[in-house]
Amino acid sequence: MEITFKLFATLTDYLPANRSDNAVRLQVDVGSTVQQIIDQFHLPEKLTHLVLVNGVYVDPGDRATKVLTPDDVLAIWPPIAGG
């Protein structure tokens, strides 16, 4: 199945070269979880601050059990400081 995977700010460095801006369409196995995608791209846990699936927040404790479905959009932001 296909999903859209988006990374923001400094996390875009973890996307493959064939990306379109900050997003890539991924073929993933049926039953894949948010945590499996995070692990696949070797994203450091401390940098996966805000995780959304279709605009809905996924708590860190739920990432290993949140199963993705076809055409989901998984978006991840690192912690951002500013003022």
PDB file of N, CA and C in Angstrom:
ATOM      1  N   MET A   1       0.851  -1.180   0.000  1.00  0.00           N
ATOM      2  CA  MET A   1       0.000   0.000   0.000  1.00  0.00           C
ATOM      3  C   MET A   1       0.888   1.232   0.000  1.00  0.00           C
ATOM      4  N   GLU A   2       0.322   2.370  -0.387  1.00  0.00           N
ATOM      5  CA  GLU A   2       1.082   3.619  -0.440  1.00  0.00           C
ATOM      6  C   GLU A   2       0.621   4.594   0.628  1.00  0.00           C
ATOM      7  N   ILE A   3       1.603   5.306   1.198  1.00  0.00           N
ATOM      8  CA  ILE A   3       1.335   6.413   2.106  1.00  0.00           C
ATOM      9  C   ILE A   3       2.196   7.586   1.660  1.00  0.00           C
ATOM     10  N   THR A   4       1.883   8.768   2.170  1.00  0.00           N
ATOM     11  CA  THR A   4       2.749   9.930   1.987  1.00  0.00           C
ATOM     12  C   THR A   4       3.474  10.157   3.295  1.00  0.00           C
ATOM     13  N   PHE A   5       4.779  10.318   3.204  1.00  0.00           N
ATOM     14  CA  PHE A   5       5.636  10.527   4.371  1.00  0.00           C
ATOM     15  C   PHE A   5       6.260  11.900   4.243  1.00  0.00           C
ATOM     16  N   LYS A   6       6.001  12.755   5.237  1.00  0.00           N
ATOM     17  CA  LYS A   6       6.514  14.127   5.216  1.00  0.00           C
ATOM     18  C   LYS A   6       7.385  14.371   6.445  1.00  0.00           C
ATOM     19  N   LEU A   7       8.535  14.966   6.202  1.00  0.00           N
ATOM     20  CA  LEU A   7       9.409  15.384   7.290  1.00  0.00           C
ATOM     21  C   LEU A   7       9.653  16.880   7.164  1.00  0.00           C
ATOM     22  N   PHE A   8       9.804  17.546   8.297  1.00  0.00           N
ATOM     23  CA  PHE A   8       9.933  19.000   8.312  1.00  0.00           C
ATOM     24  C   PHE A   8      11.222  19.429   8.984  1.00  0.00           C
ATOM     25  N   ALA A   9      11.634  20.659   8.642  1.00  0.00           N
ATOM     26  CA  ALA A   9      12.830  21.299   9.207  1.00  0.00           C
ATOM     27  C   ALA A   9      14.047  20.396   8.969  1.00  0.00           C
ATOM     28  N   THR A  10      14.851  20.198   9.982  1.00  0.00           N
ATOM     29  CA  THR A  10      16.103  19.448   9.820  1.00  0.00           C
ATOM     30  C   THR A  10      15.878  17.971   9.512  1.00  0.00           C
ATOM     31  N   LEU A  11      14.691  17.460   9.743  1.00  0.00           N
ATOM     32  CA  LEU A  11      14.421  16.050   9.466  1.00  0.00           C
ATOM     33  C   LEU A  11      14.393  15.730   7.973  1.00  0.00           C
ATOM     34  N   THR A  12      14.244  16.732   7.116  1.00  0.00           N
ATOM     35  CA  THR A  12      14.194  16.455   5.675  1.00  0.00           C
ATOM     36  C   THR A  12      15.474  15.781   5.184  1.00  0.00           C
ATOM     37  N   ASP A  13      16.562  15.939   5.907  1.00  0.00           N
ATOM     38  CA  ASP A  13      17.813  15.277   5.530  1.00  0.00           C
ATOM     39  C   ASP A  13      17.690  13.756   5.559  1.00  0.00           C
ATOM     40  N   TYR A  14      16.710  13.221   6.252  1.00  0.00           N
ATOM     41  CA  TYR A  14      16.527  11.783   6.359  1.00  0.00           C
ATOM     42  C   TYR A  14      15.714  11.201   5.205  1.00  0.00           C
ATOM     43  N   LEU A  15      15.141  12.040   4.371  1.00  0.00           N
ATOM     44  CA  LEU A  15      14.359  11.550   3.239  1.00  0.00           C
ATOM     45  C   LEU A  15      15.274  11.132   2.098  1.00  0.00           C
ATOM     46  N   PRO A  16      14.817  10.205   1.257  1.00  0.00           N
ATOM     47  CA  PRO A  16      15.633   9.794   0.109  1.00  0.00           C
ATOM     48  C   PRO A  16      15.750  10.917  -0.920  1.00  0.00           C
ATOM     49  N   ALA A  17      16.722  10.792  -1.789  1.00  0.00           N
ATOM     50  CA  ALA A  17      16.999  11.823  -2.792  1.00  0.00           C
ATOM     51  C   ALA A  17      15.853  12.022  -3.775  1.00  0.00           C
ATOM     52  N   ASN A  18      15.014  11.017  -3.989  1.00  0.00           N
ATOM     53  CA  ASN A  18      13.926  11.128  -4.964  1.00  0.00           C
ATOM     54  C   ASN A  18      12.684  11.811  -4.404  1.00  0.00           C
ATOM     55  N   ARG A  19      12.833  12.519  -3.317  1.00  0.00           N
ATOM     56  CA  ARG A  19      11.687  13.174  -2.675  1.00  0.00           C
ATOM     57  C   ARG A  19      11.230  14.388  -3.478  1.00  0.00           C
ATOM     58  N   SER A  20      10.021  14.804  -3.188  1.00  0.00           N
ATOM     59  CA  SER A  20       9.490  16.039  -3.741  1.00  0.00           C
ATOM     60  C   SER A  20       9.368  17.019  -2.583  1.00  0.00           C
ATOM     61  N   ASP A  21      10.274  17.978  -2.516  1.00  0.00           N
ATOM     62  CA  ASP A  21      10.369  18.903  -1.393  1.00  0.00           C
ATOM     63  C   ASP A  21      10.575  18.120  -0.096  1.00  0.00           C
ATOM     64  N   ASN A  22       9.584  18.132   0.784  1.00  0.00           N
ATOM     65  CA  ASN A  22       9.743  17.476   2.070  1.00  0.00           C
ATOM     66  C   ASN A  22       8.904  16.205   2.184  1.00  0.00           C
ATOM     67  N   ALA A  23       8.462  15.670   1.043  1.00  0.00           N
ATOM     68  CA  ALA A  23       7.558  14.517   1.070  1.00  0.00           C
ATOM     69  C   ALA A  23       7.990  13.451   0.079  1.00  0.00           C
ATOM     70  N   VAL A  24       7.585  12.227   0.392  1.00  0.00           N
ATOM     71  CA  VAL A  24       7.838  11.110  -0.505  1.00  0.00           C
ATOM     72  C   VAL A  24       6.655  10.148  -0.394  1.00  0.00           C
ATOM     73  N   ARG A  25       6.296   9.554  -1.516  1.00  0.00           N
ATOM     74  CA  ARG A  25       5.285   8.489  -1.505  1.00  0.00           C
ATOM     75  C   ARG A  25       6.026   7.192  -1.215  1.00  0.00           C
ATOM     76  N   LEU A  26       5.528   6.439  -0.255  1.00  0.00           N
ATOM     77  CA  LEU A  26       6.180   5.196   0.150  1.00  0.00           C
ATOM     78  C   LEU A  26       5.280   4.003  -0.082  1.00  0.00           C
ATOM     79  N   GLN A  27       5.877   2.909  -0.532  1.00  0.00           N
ATOM     80  CA  GLN A  27       5.213   1.614  -0.541  1.00  0.00           C
ATOM     81  C   GLN A  27       5.545   0.964   0.796  1.00  0.00           C
ATOM     82  N   VAL A  28       4.539   0.663   1.585  1.00  0.00           N
ATOM     83  CA  VAL A  28       4.745   0.017   2.880  1.00  0.00           C
ATOM     84  C   VAL A  28       3.857  -1.211   2.959  1.00  0.00           C
ATOM     85  N   ASP A  29       4.243  -2.129   3.817  1.00  0.00           N
ATOM     86  CA  ASP A  29       3.454  -3.344   4.012  1.00  0.00           C
ATOM     87  C   ASP A  29       2.142  -3.020   4.717  1.00  0.00           C
ATOM     88  N   VAL A  30       1.101  -3.737   4.353  1.00  0.00           N
ATOM     89  CA  VAL A  30      -0.156  -3.634   5.072  1.00  0.00           C
ATOM     90  C   VAL A  30       0.119  -3.986   6.528  1.00  0.00           C
ATOM     91  N   GLY A  31      -0.391  -3.188   7.448  1.00  0.00           N
ATOM     92  CA  GLY A  31      -0.166  -3.416   8.862  1.00  0.00           C
ATOM     93  C   GLY A  31       1.029  -2.671   9.426  1.00  0.00           C
ATOM     94  N   SER A  32       1.725  -1.893   8.587  1.00  0.00           N
ATOM     95  CA  SER A  32       2.874  -1.119   9.067  1.00  0.00           C
ATOM     96  C   SER A  32       2.419  -0.086  10.084  1.00  0.00           C
ATOM     97  N   THR A  33       3.247   0.120  11.097  1.00  0.00           N
ATOM     98  CA  THR A  33       2.941   1.096  12.136  1.00  0.00           C
ATOM     99  C   THR A  33       3.772   2.361  11.944  1.00  0.00           C
ATOM    100  N   VAL A  34       3.357   3.404  12.632  1.00  0.00           N
ATOM    101  CA  VAL A  34       4.098   4.663  12.614  1.00  0.00           C
ATOM    102  C   VAL A  34       5.538   4.418  13.069  1.00  0.00           C
ATOM    103  N   GLN A  35       5.714   3.652  14.135  1.00  0.00           N
ATOM    104  CA  GLN A  35       7.058   3.414  14.665  1.00  0.00           C
ATOM    105  C   GLN A  35       7.936   2.660  13.668  1.00  0.00           C
ATOM    106  N   GLN A  36       7.359   1.754  12.915  1.00  0.00           N
ATOM    107  CA  GLN A  36       8.141   1.031  11.904  1.00  0.00           C
ATOM    108  C   GLN A  36       8.685   1.971  10.840  1.00  0.00           C
ATOM    109  N   ILE A  37       7.906   2.966  10.455  1.00  0.00           N
ATOM    110  CA  ILE A  37       8.384   3.937   9.461  1.00  0.00           C
ATOM    111  C   ILE A  37       9.472   4.814  10.081  1.00  0.00           C
ATOM    112  N   ILE A  38       9.272   5.255  11.309  1.00  0.00           N
ATOM    113  CA  ILE A  38      10.291   6.041  12.009  1.00  0.00           C
ATOM    114  C   ILE A  38      11.594   5.251  12.070  1.00  0.00           C
ATOM    115  N   ASP A  39      11.505   3.979  12.412  1.00  0.00           N
ATOM    116  CA  ASP A  39      12.699   3.132  12.506  1.00  0.00           C
ATOM    117  C   ASP A  39      13.345   2.907  11.140  1.00  0.00           C
ATOM    118  N   GLN A  40      12.519   2.716  10.121  1.00  0.00           N
ATOM    119  CA  GLN A  40      13.027   2.476   8.765  1.00  0.00           C
ATOM    120  C   GLN A  40      13.913   3.627   8.294  1.00  0.00           C
ATOM    121  N   PHE A  41      13.557   4.840   8.671  1.00  0.00           N
ATOM    122  CA  PHE A  41      14.321   6.012   8.248  1.00  0.00           C
ATOM    123  C   PHE A  41      15.360   6.445   9.279  1.00  0.00           C
ATOM    124  N   HIS A  42      15.526   5.645  10.322  1.00  0.00           N
ATOM    125  CA  HIS A  42      16.552   5.893  11.349  1.00  0.00           C
ATOM    126  C   HIS A  42      16.414   7.276  11.977  1.00  0.00           C
ATOM    127  N   LEU A  43      15.172   7.688  12.221  1.00  0.00           N
ATOM    128  CA  LEU A  43      14.941   8.988  12.840  1.00  0.00           C
ATOM    129  C   LEU A  43      15.226   8.892  14.336  1.00  0.00           C
ATOM    130  N   PRO A  44      16.093   9.760  14.854  1.00  0.00           N
ATOM    131  CA  PRO A  44      16.369   9.734  16.291  1.00  0.00           C
ATOM    132  C   PRO A  44      15.103  10.060  17.090  1.00  0.00           C
ATOM    133  N   GLU A  45      14.860   9.292  18.133  1.00  0.00           N
ATOM    134  CA  GLU A  45      13.648   9.479  18.934  1.00  0.00           C
ATOM    135  C   GLU A  45      13.512  10.911  19.437  1.00  0.00           C
ATOM    136  N   LYS A  46      14.620  11.515  19.840  1.00  0.00           N
ATOM    137  CA  LYS A  46      14.567  12.873  20.382  1.00  0.00           C
ATOM    138  C   LYS A  46      14.174  13.907  19.322  1.00  0.00           C
ATOM    139  N   LEU A  47      14.248  13.523  18.043  1.00  0.00           N
ATOM    140  CA  LEU A  47      13.880  14.451  16.969  1.00  0.00           C
ATOM    141  C   LEU A  47      12.470  14.225  16.436  1.00  0.00           C
ATOM    142  N   THR A  48      11.790  13.206  16.917  1.00  0.00           N
ATOM    143  CA  THR A  48      10.423  12.937  16.455  1.00  0.00           C
ATOM    144  C   THR A  48       9.437  13.496  17.481  1.00  0.00           C
ATOM    145  N   HIS A  49       9.415  14.811  17.547  1.00  0.00           N
ATOM    146  CA  HIS A  49       8.652  15.513  18.576  1.00  0.00           C
ATOM    147  C   HIS A  49       7.148  15.509  18.303  1.00  0.00           C
ATOM    148  N   LEU A  50       6.778  15.951  17.117  1.00  0.00           N
ATOM    149  CA  LEU A  50       5.363  16.068  16.758  1.00  0.00           C
ATOM    150  C   LEU A  50       5.088  15.110  15.606  1.00  0.00           C
ATOM    151  N   VAL A  51       4.243  14.124  15.848  1.00  0.00           N
ATOM    152  CA  VAL A  51       3.911  13.113  14.842  1.00  0.00           C
ATOM    153  C   VAL A  51       2.409  13.157  14.603  1.00  0.00           C
ATOM    154  N   LEU A  52       2.044  13.333  13.337  1.00  0.00           N
ATOM    155  CA  LEU A  52       0.637  13.399  12.949  1.00  0.00           C
ATOM    156  C   LEU A  52       0.355  12.378  11.861  1.00  0.00           C
ATOM    157  N   VAL A  53      -0.816  11.756  11.934  1.00  0.00           N
ATOM    158  CA  VAL A  53      -1.323  10.924  10.845  1.00  0.00           C
ATOM    159  C   VAL A  53      -2.627  11.564  10.407  1.00  0.00           C
ATOM    160  N   ASN A  54      -2.637  12.027   9.169  1.00  0.00           N
ATOM    161  CA  ASN A  54      -3.799  12.724   8.613  1.00  0.00           C
ATOM    162  C   ASN A  54      -4.214  13.907   9.487  1.00  0.00           C
ATOM    163  N   GLY A  55      -3.215  14.595  10.047  1.00  0.00           N
ATOM    164  CA  GLY A  55      -3.472  15.783  10.848  1.00  0.00           C
ATOM    165  C   GLY A  55      -3.841  15.513  12.297  1.00  0.00           C
ATOM    166  N   VAL A  56      -3.837  14.253  12.717  1.00  0.00           N
ATOM    167  CA  VAL A  56      -4.202  13.887  14.082  1.00  0.00           C
ATOM    168  C   VAL A  56      -2.937  13.470  14.832  1.00  0.00           C
ATOM    169  N   TYR A  57      -2.714  14.070  16.003  1.00  0.00           N
ATOM    170  CA  TYR A  57      -1.541  13.802  16.823  1.00  0.00           C
ATOM    171  C   TYR A  57      -1.479  12.340  17.256  1.00  0.00           C
ATOM    172  N   VAL A  58      -0.262  11.767  17.178  1.00  0.00           N
ATOM    173  CA  VAL A  58      -0.027  10.404  17.643  1.00  0.00           C
ATOM    174  C   VAL A  58       0.933  10.498  18.827  1.00  0.00           C
ATOM    175  N   ASP A  59       0.449  10.143  19.991  1.00  0.00           N
ATOM    176  CA  ASP A  59       1.237  10.178  21.217  1.00  0.00           C
ATOM    177  C   ASP A  59       2.417   9.201  21.097  1.00  0.00           C
ATOM    178  N   PRO A  60       3.577   9.541  21.693  1.00  0.00           N
ATOM    179  CA  PRO A  60       4.726   8.629  21.613  1.00  0.00           C
ATOM    180  C   PRO A  60       4.404   7.205  22.062  1.00  0.00           C
ATOM    181  N   GLY A  61       3.556   7.046  23.052  1.00  0.00           N
ATOM    182  CA  GLY A  61       3.200   5.718  23.531  1.00  0.00           C
ATOM    183  C   GLY A  61       2.335   4.922  22.581  1.00  0.00           C
ATOM    184  N   ASP A  62       1.750   5.579  21.582  1.00  0.00           N
ATOM    185  CA  ASP A  62       0.857   4.917  20.632  1.00  0.00           C
ATOM    186  C   ASP A  62       1.511   4.646  19.278  1.00  0.00           C
ATOM    187  N   ARG A  63       2.730   5.102  19.080  1.00  0.00           N
ATOM    188  CA  ARG A  63       3.369   4.995  17.762  1.00  0.00           C
ATOM    189  C   ARG A  63       3.634   3.560  17.340  1.00  0.00           C
ATOM    190  N   ALA A  64       3.889   2.686  18.292  1.00  0.00           N
ATOM    191  CA  ALA A  64       4.181   1.283  17.965  1.00  0.00           C
ATOM    192  C   ALA A  64       2.922   0.500  17.608  1.00  0.00           C
ATOM    193  N   THR A  65       1.755   1.023  17.970  1.00  0.00           N
ATOM    194  CA  THR A  65       0.510   0.306  17.692  1.00  0.00           C
ATOM    195  C   THR A  65      -0.390   1.014  16.684  1.00  0.00           C
ATOM    196  N   LYS A  66      -0.051   2.241  16.313  1.00  0.00           N
ATOM    197  CA  LYS A  66      -0.861   2.987  15.335  1.00  0.00           C
ATOM    198  C   LYS A  66      -0.566   2.451  13.946  1.00  0.00           C
ATOM    199  N   VAL A  67      -1.532   1.706  13.403  1.00  0.00           N
ATOM    200  CA  VAL A  67      -1.382   1.079  12.091  1.00  0.00           C
ATOM    201  C   VAL A  67      -1.793   2.067  11.006  1.00  0.00           C
ATOM    202  N   LEU A  68      -0.960   2.156   9.989  1.00  0.00           N
ATOM    203  CA  LEU A  68      -1.235   3.042   8.858  1.00  0.00           C
ATOM    204  C   LEU A  68      -2.155   2.343   7.864  1.00  0.00           C
ATOM    205  N   THR A  69      -2.941   3.149   7.152  1.00  0.00           N
ATOM    206  CA  THR A  69      -3.849   2.627   6.138  1.00  0.00           C
ATOM    207  C   THR A  69      -3.518   3.283   4.804  1.00  0.00           C
ATOM    208  N   PRO A  70      -3.992   2.718   3.689  1.00  0.00           N
ATOM    209  CA  PRO A  70      -3.664   3.283   2.387  1.00  0.00           C
ATOM    210  C   PRO A  70      -3.988   4.778   2.293  1.00  0.00           C
ATOM    211  N   ASP A  71      -3.060   5.509   1.693  1.00  0.00           N
ATOM    212  CA  ASP A  71      -3.165   6.948   1.445  1.00  0.00           C
ATOM    213  C   ASP A  71      -3.079   7.809   2.696  1.00  0.00           C
ATOM    214  N   ASP A  72      -2.697   7.227   3.837  1.00  0.00           N
ATOM    215  CA  ASP A  72      -2.438   8.051   5.021  1.00  0.00           C
ATOM    216  C   ASP A  72      -1.299   9.012   4.737  1.00  0.00           C
ATOM    217  N   VAL A  73      -1.309  10.124   5.467  1.00  0.00           N
ATOM    218  CA  VAL A  73      -0.205  11.080   5.428  1.00  0.00           C
ATOM    219  C   VAL A  73       0.422  11.090   6.810  1.00  0.00           C
ATOM    220  N   LEU A  74       1.668  10.642   6.880  1.00  0.00           N
ATOM    221  CA  LEU A  74       2.435  10.627   8.118  1.00  0.00           C
ATOM    222  C   LEU A  74       3.393  11.808   8.074  1.00  0.00           C
ATOM    223  N   ALA A  75       3.238  12.725   9.009  1.00  0.00           N
ATOM    224  CA  ALA A  75       4.059  13.940   9.044  1.00  0.00           C
ATOM    225  C   ALA A  75       4.756  14.043  10.397  1.00  0.00           C
ATOM    226  N   ILE A  76       6.056  14.393  10.362  1.00  0.00           N
ATOM    227  CA  ILE A  76       6.844  14.451  11.579  1.00  0.00           C
ATOM    228  C   ILE A  76       7.653  15.738  11.620  1.00  0.00           C
ATOM    229  N   TRP A  77       7.600  16.409  12.782  1.00  0.00           N
ATOM    230  CA  TRP A  77       8.368  17.630  13.026  1.00  0.00           C
ATOM    231  C   TRP A  77       9.336  17.402  14.179  1.00  0.00           C
ATOM    232  N   PRO A  78      10.521  17.988  14.112  1.00  0.00           N
ATOM    233  CA  PRO A  78      11.419  17.961  15.264  1.00  0.00           C
ATOM    234  C   PRO A  78      11.010  19.028  16.255  1.00  0.00           C
ATOM    235  N   PRO A  79      11.591  19.004  17.465  1.00  0.00           N
ATOM    236  CA  PRO A  79      11.317  20.121  18.393  1.00  0.00           C
ATOM    237  C   PRO A  79      11.867  21.401  17.759  1.00  0.00           C
ATOM    238  N   ILE A  80      11.114  22.461  17.892  1.00  0.00           N
ATOM    239  CA  ILE A  80      11.529  23.733  17.287  1.00  0.00           C
ATOM    240  C   ILE A  80      11.567  24.793  18.377  1.00  0.00           C
ATOM    241  N   ALA A  81      12.701  25.463  18.473  1.00  0.00           N
ATOM    242  CA  ALA A  81      12.851  26.553  19.433  1.00  0.00           C
ATOM    243  C   ALA A  81      12.784  27.870  18.687  1.00  0.00           C
ATOM    244  N   GLY A  82      12.339  28.858  19.344  1.00  0.00           N
ATOM    245  CA  GLY A  82      12.277  30.162  18.707  1.00  0.00           C
ATOM    246  C   GLY A  82      11.569  31.136  19.609  1.00  0.00           C
ATOM    247  N   GLY A  83      11.410  32.303  19.095  1.00  0.00           N
ATOM    248  CA  GLY A  83      10.722  33.278  19.925  1.00  0.00           C
ATOM    249  C   GLY A  83      10.337  34.482  19.162  1.00  0.00           C
TER     250      GLY A  83
END
